[in-house]
Amino acid sequence: MTTSKDVFAKRKEGSIDEAYQLALQLMASPEVDEWDRKAMGWCLVDLIKRDAQAGHPENLEHFRRQLEGLQVAADDEVLQKGVRNALLLCSPNGQLIKQASTLSKEGRHAQAVTLYRQAGRLGPLDSQVQTNLGWDLYRHAKQLLDTEPVDFSAIRRNLHDYLKLDVEKPSLLHTCFLQLAAKLASQERLNLLKFLPLWDLQYLRAEDYQRHRAEDGKEYPSLAEKVIQQAGKEAAASGDAQELNYILPYLDGGYRTVSGQRLVEAGQGQGTHGPGAA
């Protein structure tokens, strides 16, 4: 009688096709257990990787459907990761995404971003891939900031591309882009007031409100304070009513500056409400 151990033994020998045929017999049994599904799952992962790397896509769709229909144990993180990577290889942009991931691990973030962008033009990117792209956009931007002369247009493009991603918010990644935007704004290379509504201040984390104290005891403003105060100054200079209405509630929430006080006076009677508003 064939068992899952027989399947794993054939895989270990490198006989993937034979292992797959044994796994099919297991899955046809009236009583399929967790190890039978694991054996089948690893066979399908092996077959997809082999055929994708060999440039033989004709069976990938069949293997993909089988793998997607397999109920793999959620607590088997290794197999779950193998399944995700295998399914990725079945997509039109899978090879590009895999190459981009490899480049990212090597610290070649510019090249990784280029391949992710190409992959995005071929088909949709899932949430995890979009998050990976977000980190590469950020790390590439950091590398650009350390290169002379600084290519600010490329950094702004990365900011623009990030804002189009569907990633977790609030999150460390989202905060990193706010820090990046604040740095550009401090060098007058970005209009923070136009950036903030797109970033959305409701996604500030508790950590973003924490002030920083140096070893000498000097206290520095939190990230939230810095961006709100800078946006307040920009709003005061612009005099744009829509921009005033956006930033006033945050200034009322406890981050008033001299410029912010003028904004409050200018905004009286406009019925502005928001975070911290009375």
C-alpha atoms as a PDB file:
ATOM      1  CA  MET A   1       0.000   0.000   0.000  1.00  0.00           C
ATOM      2  CA  THR A   2       1.365   3.392  -1.013  1.00  0.00           C
ATOM      3  CA  THR A   3       1.977   5.920   1.759  1.00  0.00           C
ATOM      4  CA  SER A   4       3.144   9.504   1.968  1.00  0.00           C
ATOM      5  CA  LYS A   5       6.568   8.195   3.036  1.00  0.00           C
ATOM      6  CA  ASP A   6       6.886   6.524  -0.372  1.00  0.00           C
ATOM      7  CA  VAL A   7       6.146   9.840  -2.073  1.00  0.00           C
ATOM      8  CA  PHE A   8       8.746  11.717  -0.024  1.00  0.00           C
ATOM      9  CA  ALA A   9      11.291   8.952  -0.715  1.00  0.00           C
ATOM     10  CA  LYS A  10      10.777   9.299  -4.477  1.00  0.00           C
ATOM     11  CA  ARG A  11      11.131  13.076  -4.209  1.00  0.00           C
ATOM     12  CA  LYS A  12      14.375  12.637  -2.299  1.00  0.00           C
ATOM     13  CA  GLU A  13      15.664  10.409  -5.119  1.00  0.00           C
ATOM     14  CA  GLY A  14      14.814  13.147  -7.604  1.00  0.00           C
ATOM     15  CA  SER A  15      12.076  11.078  -9.248  1.00  0.00           C
ATOM     16  CA  ILE A  16       9.507  13.879  -9.240  1.00  0.00           C
ATOM     17  CA  ASP A  17       7.159  12.399 -11.848  1.00  0.00           C
ATOM     18  CA  GLU A  18       7.022   9.039 -10.070  1.00  0.00           C
ATOM     19  CA  ALA A  19       6.428  10.772  -6.753  1.00  0.00           C
ATOM     20  CA  TYR A  20       3.576  12.728  -8.330  1.00  0.00           C
ATOM     21  CA  GLN A  21       1.914   9.564  -9.643  1.00  0.00           C
ATOM     22  CA  LEU A  22       2.095   8.017  -6.169  1.00  0.00           C
ATOM     23  CA  ALA A  23       0.647  11.205  -4.670  1.00  0.00           C
ATOM     24  CA  LEU A  24      -2.263  11.031  -7.125  1.00  0.00           C
ATOM     25  CA  GLN A  25      -3.015   7.521  -5.838  1.00  0.00           C
ATOM     26  CA  LEU A  26      -3.030   8.821  -2.270  1.00  0.00           C
ATOM     27  CA  MET A  27      -5.394  11.664  -3.142  1.00  0.00           C
ATOM     28  CA  ALA A  28      -7.784   9.208  -4.851  1.00  0.00           C
ATOM     29  CA  SER A  29      -8.155   7.268  -1.606  1.00  0.00           C
ATOM     30  CA  PRO A  30     -11.420   7.612   0.370  1.00  0.00           C
ATOM     31  CA  GLU A  31      -9.396   8.610   3.425  1.00  0.00           C
ATOM     32  CA  VAL A  32      -6.906  11.397   2.684  1.00  0.00           C
ATOM     33  CA  ASP A  33      -4.951  12.655   5.663  1.00  0.00           C
ATOM     34  CA  GLU A  34      -2.795  15.737   6.278  1.00  0.00           C
ATOM     35  CA  TRP A  35       0.457  14.024   5.288  1.00  0.00           C
ATOM     36  CA  ASP A  36      -1.078  12.859   2.009  1.00  0.00           C
ATOM     37  CA  ARG A  37      -1.919  16.481   1.178  1.00  0.00           C
ATOM     38  CA  LYS A  38       1.566  17.598   2.183  1.00  0.00           C
ATOM     39  CA  ALA A  39       3.105  14.956  -0.078  1.00  0.00           C
ATOM     40  CA  MET A  40       0.914  16.064  -2.974  1.00  0.00           C
ATOM     41  CA  GLY A  41       1.642  19.720  -2.257  1.00  0.00           C
ATOM     42  CA  TRP A  42       5.406  19.267  -2.368  1.00  0.00           C
ATOM     43  CA  CYS A  43       5.141  17.236  -5.583  1.00  0.00           C
ATOM     44  CA  LEU A  44       3.176  20.025  -7.258  1.00  0.00           C
ATOM     45  CA  VAL A  45       5.652  22.644  -5.986  1.00  0.00           C
ATOM     46  CA  ASP A  46       8.526  20.594  -7.427  1.00  0.00           C
ATOM     47  CA  LEU A  47       6.799  20.111 -10.777  1.00  0.00           C
ATOM     48  CA  ILE A  48       5.917  23.789 -11.151  1.00  0.00           C
ATOM     49  CA  LYS A  49       9.445  24.916 -10.280  1.00  0.00           C
ATOM     50  CA  ARG A  50      10.961  22.381 -12.686  1.00  0.00           C
ATOM     51  CA  ASP A  51       8.729  23.212 -15.649  1.00  0.00           C
ATOM     52  CA  ALA A  52       8.837  26.972 -15.091  1.00  0.00           C
ATOM     53  CA  GLN A  53      12.631  27.007 -14.923  1.00  0.00           C
ATOM     54  CA  ALA A  54      12.918  24.721 -17.959  1.00  0.00           C
ATOM     55  CA  GLY A  55      10.628  26.947 -20.004  1.00  0.00           C
ATOM     56  CA  HIS A  56       7.856  24.338 -20.353  1.00  0.00           C
ATOM     57  CA  PRO A  57       4.668  26.200 -19.382  1.00  0.00           C
ATOM     58  CA  GLU A  58       2.196  23.818 -21.013  1.00  0.00           C
ATOM     59  CA  ASN A  59       1.379  21.951 -17.778  1.00  0.00           C
ATOM     60  CA  LEU A  60       1.608  24.871 -15.368  1.00  0.00           C
ATOM     61  CA  GLU A  61      -2.083  25.755 -15.525  1.00  0.00           C
ATOM     62  CA  HIS A  62      -3.056  22.161 -14.670  1.00  0.00           C
ATOM     63  CA  PHE A  63      -0.628  22.015 -11.747  1.00  0.00           C
ATOM     64  CA  ARG A  64      -1.728  25.463 -10.567  1.00  0.00           C
ATOM     65  CA  ARG A  65      -5.384  24.426 -10.362  1.00  0.00           C
ATOM     66  CA  GLN A  66      -4.449  21.317  -8.407  1.00  0.00           C
ATOM     67  CA  LEU A  67      -2.277  23.263  -5.986  1.00  0.00           C
ATOM     68  CA  GLU A  68      -4.884  25.980  -5.428  1.00  0.00           C
ATOM     69  CA  GLY A  69      -7.521  23.316  -4.685  1.00  0.00           C
ATOM     70  CA  LEU A  70      -5.297  21.551  -2.156  1.00  0.00           C
ATOM     71  CA  GLN A  71      -6.123  22.239   1.479  1.00  0.00           C
ATOM     72  CA  VAL A  72      -2.636  22.718   2.889  1.00  0.00           C
ATOM     73  CA  ALA A  73      -2.274  22.978   6.669  1.00  0.00           C
ATOM     74  CA  ALA A  74      -2.107  26.639   7.645  1.00  0.00           C
ATOM     75  CA  ASP A  75       0.470  25.964  10.353  1.00  0.00           C
ATOM     76  CA  ASP A  76       2.957  24.409   7.900  1.00  0.00           C
ATOM     77  CA  GLU A  77       4.740  27.673   7.128  1.00  0.00           C
ATOM     78  CA  VAL A  78       7.462  26.055   5.014  1.00  0.00           C
ATOM     79  CA  LEU A  79       4.986  24.397   2.685  1.00  0.00           C
ATOM     80  CA  GLN A  80       2.787  27.500   2.625  1.00  0.00           C
ATOM     81  CA  LYS A  81       5.770  29.531   1.460  1.00  0.00           C
ATOM     82  CA  GLY A  82       6.603  26.898  -1.151  1.00  0.00           C
ATOM     83  CA  VAL A  83       3.027  27.006  -2.438  1.00  0.00           C
ATOM     84  CA  ARG A  84       3.064  30.822  -2.694  1.00  0.00           C
ATOM     85  CA  ASN A  85       6.325  30.789  -4.626  1.00  0.00           C
ATOM     86  CA  ALA A  86       5.116  28.025  -6.929  1.00  0.00           C
ATOM     87  CA  LEU A  87       1.838  29.799  -7.703  1.00  0.00           C
ATOM     88  CA  LEU A  88       3.819  32.931  -8.425  1.00  0.00           C
ATOM     89  CA  LEU A  89       5.794  31.066 -11.087  1.00  0.00           C
ATOM     90  CA  CYS A  90       2.523  30.153 -12.805  1.00  0.00           C
ATOM     91  CA  SER A  91       1.580  33.798 -13.374  1.00  0.00           C
ATOM     92  CA  PRO A  92       2.668  35.737 -16.502  1.00  0.00           C
ATOM     93  CA  ASN A  93       4.848  38.022 -14.390  1.00  0.00           C
ATOM     94  CA  GLY A  94       6.055  35.339 -11.972  1.00  0.00           C
ATOM     95  CA  GLN A  95       9.580  34.987 -13.325  1.00  0.00           C
ATOM     96  CA  LEU A  96      10.145  38.740 -13.190  1.00  0.00           C
ATOM     97  CA  ILE A  97       8.888  38.891  -9.606  1.00  0.00           C
ATOM     98  CA  LYS A  98      11.169  36.012  -8.608  1.00  0.00           C
ATOM     99  CA  GLN A  99      14.167  37.747 -10.212  1.00  0.00           C
ATOM    100  CA  ALA A 100      13.250  41.023  -8.510  1.00  0.00           C
ATOM    101  CA  SER A 101      13.109  39.276  -5.134  1.00  0.00           C
ATOM    102  CA  THR A 102      16.581  37.821  -5.691  1.00  0.00           C
ATOM    103  CA  LEU A 103      17.989  41.230  -6.651  1.00  0.00           C
ATOM    104  CA  SER A 104      16.418  42.761  -3.559  1.00  0.00           C
ATOM    105  CA  LYS A 105      18.126  40.238  -1.282  1.00  0.00           C
ATOM    106  CA  GLU A 106      21.432  41.164  -2.944  1.00  0.00           C
ATOM    107  CA  GLY A 107      20.856  44.837  -2.151  1.00  0.00           C
ATOM    108  CA  ARG A 108      20.327  45.746  -5.816  1.00  0.00           C
ATOM    109  CA  HIS A 109      17.170  47.705  -5.150  1.00  0.00           C
ATOM    110  CA  ALA A 110      17.223  49.850  -8.303  1.00  0.00           C
ATOM    111  CA  GLN A 111      17.241  46.765 -10.513  1.00  0.00           C
ATOM    112  CA  ALA A 112      14.604  45.091  -8.338  1.00  0.00           C
ATOM    113  CA  VAL A 113      12.300  48.102  -8.694  1.00  0.00           C
ATOM    114  CA  THR A 114      12.741  48.042 -12.480  1.00  0.00           C
ATOM    115  CA  LEU A 115      11.695  44.376 -12.673  1.00  0.00           C
ATOM    116  CA  TYR A 116       8.763  44.869 -10.302  1.00  0.00           C
ATOM    117  CA  ARG A 117       7.527  47.703 -12.505  1.00  0.00           C
ATOM    118  CA  GLN A 118       7.802  45.482 -15.569  1.00  0.00           C
ATOM    119  CA  ALA A 119       5.939  42.701 -13.743  1.00  0.00           C
ATOM    120  CA  GLY A 120       3.171  45.122 -12.786  1.00  0.00           C
ATOM    121  CA  ARG A 121       2.619  45.952 -16.447  1.00  0.00           C
ATOM    122  CA  LEU A 122       2.139  42.250 -17.254  1.00  0.00           C
ATOM    123  CA  GLY A 123      -0.408  41.540 -14.560  1.00  0.00           C
ATOM    124  CA  PRO A 124      -1.631  42.415 -11.059  1.00  0.00           C
ATOM    125  CA  LEU A 125       0.725  42.050  -8.094  1.00  0.00           C
ATOM    126  CA  ASP A 126      -0.602  40.397  -4.942  1.00  0.00           C
ATOM    127  CA  SER A 127      -0.461  42.156  -1.587  1.00  0.00           C
ATOM    128  CA  GLN A 128       2.792  40.540  -0.444  1.00  0.00           C
ATOM    129  CA  VAL A 129       4.556  41.401  -3.704  1.00  0.00           C
ATOM    130  CA  GLN A 130       3.285  44.987  -3.456  1.00  0.00           C
ATOM    131  CA  THR A 131       4.706  45.192   0.061  1.00  0.00           C
ATOM    132  CA  ASN A 132       8.042  43.857  -1.171  1.00  0.00           C
ATOM    133  CA  LEU A 133       7.997  46.436  -3.950  1.00  0.00           C
ATOM    134  CA  GLY A 134       7.259  49.138  -1.381  1.00  0.00           C
ATOM    135  CA  TRP A 135      10.363  48.250   0.613  1.00  0.00           C
ATOM    136  CA  ASP A 136      12.509  48.233  -2.516  1.00  0.00           C
ATOM    137  CA  LEU A 137      11.127  51.625  -3.548  1.00  0.00           C
ATOM    138  CA  TYR A 138      12.076  52.970  -0.118  1.00  0.00           C
ATOM    139  CA  ARG A 139      15.549  51.405  -0.018  1.00  0.00           C
ATOM    140  CA  HIS A 140      16.253  52.550  -3.557  1.00  0.00           C
ATOM    141  CA  ALA A 141      15.243  56.085  -2.581  1.00  0.00           C
ATOM    142  CA  LYS A 142      17.597  55.924   0.413  1.00  0.00           C
ATOM    143  CA  GLN A 143      20.416  54.856  -1.876  1.00  0.00           C
ATOM    144  CA  LEU A 144      19.626  57.765  -4.199  1.00  0.00           C
ATOM    145  CA  LEU A 145      19.821  60.203  -1.273  1.00  0.00           C
ATOM    146  CA  ASP A 146      23.358  58.999  -0.556  1.00  0.00           C
ATOM    147  CA  THR A 147      24.491  59.468  -4.163  1.00  0.00           C
ATOM    148  CA  GLU A 148      25.856  62.747  -5.531  1.00  0.00           C
ATOM    149  CA  PRO A 149      24.299  64.467  -7.307  1.00  0.00           C
ATOM    150  CA  VAL A 150      20.975  63.421  -5.766  1.00  0.00           C
ATOM    151  CA  ASP A 151      18.340  62.439  -8.331  1.00  0.00           C
ATOM    152  CA  PHE A 152      15.324  63.992  -6.608  1.00  0.00           C
ATOM    153  CA  SER A 153      13.015  63.315  -9.567  1.00  0.00           C
ATOM    154  CA  ALA A 154      13.691  59.559  -9.244  1.00  0.00           C
ATOM    155  CA  ILE A 155      13.019  59.713  -5.502  1.00  0.00           C
ATOM    156  CA  ARG A 156       9.734  61.530  -6.076  1.00  0.00           C
ATOM    157  CA  ARG A 157       8.777  58.898  -8.653  1.00  0.00           C
ATOM    158  CA  ASN A 158       9.333  56.210  -6.015  1.00  0.00           C
ATOM    159  CA  LEU A 159       7.099  58.136  -3.623  1.00  0.00           C
ATOM    160  CA  HIS A 160       4.441  58.397  -6.328  1.00  0.00           C
ATOM    161  CA  ASP A 161       4.644  54.678  -7.135  1.00  0.00           C
ATOM    162  CA  TYR A 162       4.435  53.756  -3.454  1.00  0.00           C
ATOM    163  CA  LEU A 163       1.246  55.754  -2.949  1.00  0.00           C
ATOM    164  CA  LYS A 164      -0.444  53.623  -5.620  1.00  0.00           C
ATOM    165  CA  LEU A 165       0.306  50.367  -3.778  1.00  0.00           C
ATOM    166  CA  ASP A 166      -2.193  48.426  -1.696  1.00  0.00           C
ATOM    167  CA  VAL A 167      -0.130  47.853   1.453  1.00  0.00           C
ATOM    168  CA  GLU A 168      -0.823  47.592   5.167  1.00  0.00           C
ATOM    169  CA  LYS A 169      -1.545  50.887   6.914  1.00  0.00           C
ATOM    170  CA  PRO A 170      -0.558  51.925   9.490  1.00  0.00           C
ATOM    171  CA  SER A 171       2.793  50.137   9.284  1.00  0.00           C
ATOM    172  CA  LEU A 172       6.523  50.689   9.573  1.00  0.00           C
ATOM    173  CA  LEU A 173       6.770  50.811   5.774  1.00  0.00           C
ATOM    174  CA  HIS A 174       4.151  53.557   5.582  1.00  0.00           C
ATOM    175  CA  THR A 175       5.966  55.555   8.268  1.00  0.00           C
ATOM    176  CA  CYS A 176       9.288  55.164   6.426  1.00  0.00           C
ATOM    177  CA  PHE A 177       7.793  56.904   3.404  1.00  0.00           C
ATOM    178  CA  LEU A 178       6.529  59.721   5.598  1.00  0.00           C
ATOM    179  CA  GLN A 179      10.049  60.127   6.978  1.00  0.00           C
ATOM    180  CA  LEU A 180      11.385  60.192   3.437  1.00  0.00           C
ATOM    181  CA  ALA A 181       8.839  62.817   2.411  1.00  0.00           C
ATOM    182  CA  ALA A 182       9.702  64.929   5.472  1.00  0.00           C
ATOM    183  CA  LYS A 183      13.370  64.846   4.525  1.00  0.00           C
ATOM    184  CA  LEU A 184      12.621  65.979   0.974  1.00  0.00           C
ATOM    185  CA  ALA A 185      10.347  68.732   2.281  1.00  0.00           C
ATOM    186  CA  SER A 186      13.098  69.976   4.623  1.00  0.00           C
ATOM    187  CA  GLN A 187      15.277  70.434   1.526  1.00  0.00           C
ATOM    188  CA  GLU A 188      12.404  72.131  -0.334  1.00  0.00           C
ATOM    189  CA  ARG A 189      12.232  69.238  -2.785  1.00  0.00           C
ATOM    190  CA  LEU A 190       8.648  68.200  -1.986  1.00  0.00           C
ATOM    191  CA  ASN A 191       5.387  69.952  -1.169  1.00  0.00           C
ATOM    192  CA  LEU A 192       4.463  68.141   2.022  1.00  0.00           C
ATOM    193  CA  LEU A 193       0.995  69.631   2.175  1.00  0.00           C
ATOM    194  CA  LYS A 194       0.096  68.002  -1.140  1.00  0.00           C
ATOM    195  CA  PHE A 195       1.728  64.716  -0.116  1.00  0.00           C
ATOM    196  CA  LEU A 196       0.035  64.310   3.272  1.00  0.00           C
ATOM    197  CA  PRO A 197      -3.579  63.892   2.066  1.00  0.00           C
ATOM    198  CA  LEU A 198      -2.374  61.099  -0.220  1.00  0.00           C
ATOM    199  CA  TRP A 199      -0.369  59.466   2.577  1.00  0.00           C
ATOM    200  CA  ASP A 200      -3.306  60.127   4.952  1.00  0.00           C
ATOM    201  CA  LEU A 201      -2.484  61.306   8.455  1.00  0.00           C
ATOM    202  CA  GLN A 202      -5.051  58.961   9.985  1.00  0.00           C
ATOM    203  CA  TYR A 203      -2.412  56.246   9.501  1.00  0.00           C
ATOM    204  CA  LEU A 204       0.081  57.790  11.912  1.00  0.00           C
ATOM    205  CA  ARG A 205       1.229  55.199  14.448  1.00  0.00           C
ATOM    206  CA  ALA A 206       1.557  55.785  18.181  1.00  0.00           C
ATOM    207  CA  GLU A 207       5.326  55.634  17.685  1.00  0.00           C
ATOM    208  CA  ASP A 208       5.138  58.508  15.206  1.00  0.00           C
ATOM    209  CA  TYR A 209       3.923  60.807  17.998  1.00  0.00           C
ATOM    210  CA  GLN A 210       6.822  59.974  20.306  1.00  0.00           C
ATOM    211  CA  ARG A 211       9.408  62.687  20.846  1.00  0.00           C
ATOM    212  CA  HIS A 212      13.093  61.779  20.818  1.00  0.00           C
ATOM    213  CA  ARG A 213      15.493  62.641  23.617  1.00  0.00           C
ATOM    214  CA  ALA A 214      19.239  62.786  22.927  1.00  0.00           C
ATOM    215  CA  GLU A 215      21.937  61.680  25.367  1.00  0.00           C
ATOM    216  CA  ASP A 216      22.491  65.311  26.359  1.00  0.00           C
ATOM    217  CA  GLY A 217      18.838  65.512  27.423  1.00  0.00           C
ATOM    218  CA  LYS A 218      17.726  67.665  24.497  1.00  0.00           C
ATOM    219  CA  GLU A 219      14.250  66.758  23.229  1.00  0.00           C
ATOM    220  CA  TYR A 220      13.409  66.682  19.535  1.00  0.00           C
ATOM    221  CA  PRO A 221       9.960  66.878  17.900  1.00  0.00           C
ATOM    222  CA  SER A 222       8.201  63.691  16.884  1.00  0.00           C
ATOM    223  CA  LEU A 223       7.718  62.794  13.238  1.00  0.00           C
ATOM    224  CA  ALA A 224       4.039  63.720  13.521  1.00  0.00           C
ATOM    225  CA  GLU A 225       4.907  67.151  14.917  1.00  0.00           C
ATOM    226  CA  LYS A 226       7.482  67.822  12.220  1.00  0.00           C
ATOM    227  CA  VAL A 227       5.258  66.991   9.256  1.00  0.00           C
ATOM    228  CA  ILE A 228       2.180  68.759  10.643  1.00  0.00           C
ATOM    229  CA  GLN A 229       4.125  71.902  11.488  1.00  0.00           C
ATOM    230  CA  GLN A 230       5.807  71.909   8.074  1.00  0.00           C
ATOM    231  CA  ALA A 231       2.466  71.430   6.330  1.00  0.00           C
ATOM    232  CA  GLY A 232       1.030  74.252   8.440  1.00  0.00           C
ATOM    233  CA  LYS A 233       3.742  76.602   7.240  1.00  0.00           C
ATOM    234  CA  GLU A 234       3.118  75.579   3.631  1.00  0.00           C
ATOM    235  CA  ALA A 235      -0.623  76.093   4.063  1.00  0.00           C
ATOM    236  CA  ALA A 236      -0.064  79.552   5.563  1.00  0.00           C
ATOM    237  CA  ALA A 237       2.090  80.479   2.589  1.00  0.00           C
ATOM    238  CA  SER A 238      -0.320  79.112  -0.008  1.00  0.00           C
ATOM    239  CA  GLY A 239      -3.539  80.612   1.340  1.00  0.00           C
ATOM    240  CA  ASP A 240      -5.420  77.793  -0.429  1.00  0.00           C
ATOM    241  CA  ALA A 241      -8.755  77.179   1.326  1.00  0.00           C
ATOM    242  CA  GLN A 242      -8.832  73.444   0.604  1.00  0.00           C
ATOM    243  CA  GLU A 243      -5.326  72.975   1.958  1.00  0.00           C
ATOM    244  CA  LEU A 244      -6.209  75.081   5.010  1.00  0.00           C
ATOM    245  CA  ASN A 245      -9.241  72.915   5.699  1.00  0.00           C
ATOM    246  CA  TYR A 246      -7.154  69.753   5.521  1.00  0.00           C
ATOM    247  CA  ILE A 247      -4.373  70.699   7.926  1.00  0.00           C
ATOM    248  CA  LEU A 248      -6.253  72.899  10.429  1.00  0.00           C
ATOM    249  CA  PRO A 249      -7.807  70.017  12.422  1.00  0.00           C
ATOM    250  CA  TYR A 250      -4.359  68.481  12.934  1.00  0.00           C
ATOM    251  CA  LEU A 251      -2.930  71.799  14.053  1.00  0.00           C
ATOM    252  CA  ASP A 252      -5.868  72.148  16.443  1.00  0.00           C
ATOM    253  CA  GLY A 253      -4.992  68.704  17.727  1.00  0.00           C
ATOM    254  CA  GLY A 254      -1.977  70.034  19.572  1.00  0.00           C
ATOM    255  CA  TYR A 255       0.689  70.876  17.009  1.00  0.00           C
ATOM    256  CA  ARG A 256       0.258  74.609  16.595  1.00  0.00           C
ATOM    257  CA  THR A 257       3.217  76.733  15.577  1.00  0.00           C
ATOM    258  CA  VAL A 258       3.338  80.481  15.030  1.00  0.00           C
ATOM    259  CA  SER A 259       2.260  79.797  11.469  1.00  0.00           C
ATOM    260  CA  GLY A 260      -0.382  77.407  12.775  1.00  0.00           C
ATOM    261  CA  GLN A 261      -1.858  80.136  14.987  1.00  0.00           C
ATOM    262  CA  ARG A 262      -2.266  82.360  11.948  1.00  0.00           C
ATOM    263  CA  LEU A 263      -3.967  79.453  10.183  1.00  0.00           C
ATOM    264  CA  VAL A 264      -6.462  79.036  13.009  1.00  0.00           C
ATOM    265  CA  GLU A 265      -7.302  82.723  12.833  1.00  0.00           C
ATOM    266  CA  ALA A 266      -7.641  82.556   9.042  1.00  0.00           C
ATOM    267  CA  GLY A 267      -9.832  79.481   9.277  1.00  0.00           C
ATOM    268  CA  GLN A 268     -12.314  80.836  11.827  1.00  0.00           C
ATOM    269  CA  GLY A 269     -15.893  80.566  10.686  1.00  0.00           C
ATOM    270  CA  GLN A 270     -15.130  77.845   8.102  1.00  0.00           C
ATOM    271  CA  GLY A 271     -16.661  75.088  10.208  1.00  0.00           C
ATOM    272  CA  THR A 272     -13.509  72.944  10.143  1.00  0.00           C
ATOM    273  CA  HIS A 273     -13.674  69.743  12.148  1.00  0.00           C
ATOM    274  CA  GLY A 274     -11.267  66.846  12.500  1.00  0.00           C
ATOM    275  CA  PRO A 275      -8.762  65.175  14.819  1.00  0.00           C
ATOM    276  CA  GLY A 276      -8.527  67.084  18.052  1.00  0.00           C
ATOM    277  CA  ALA A 277     -11.075  69.697  17.010  1.00  0.00           C
ATOM    278  CA  ALA A 278     -13.314  70.944  19.812  1.00  0.00           C
END
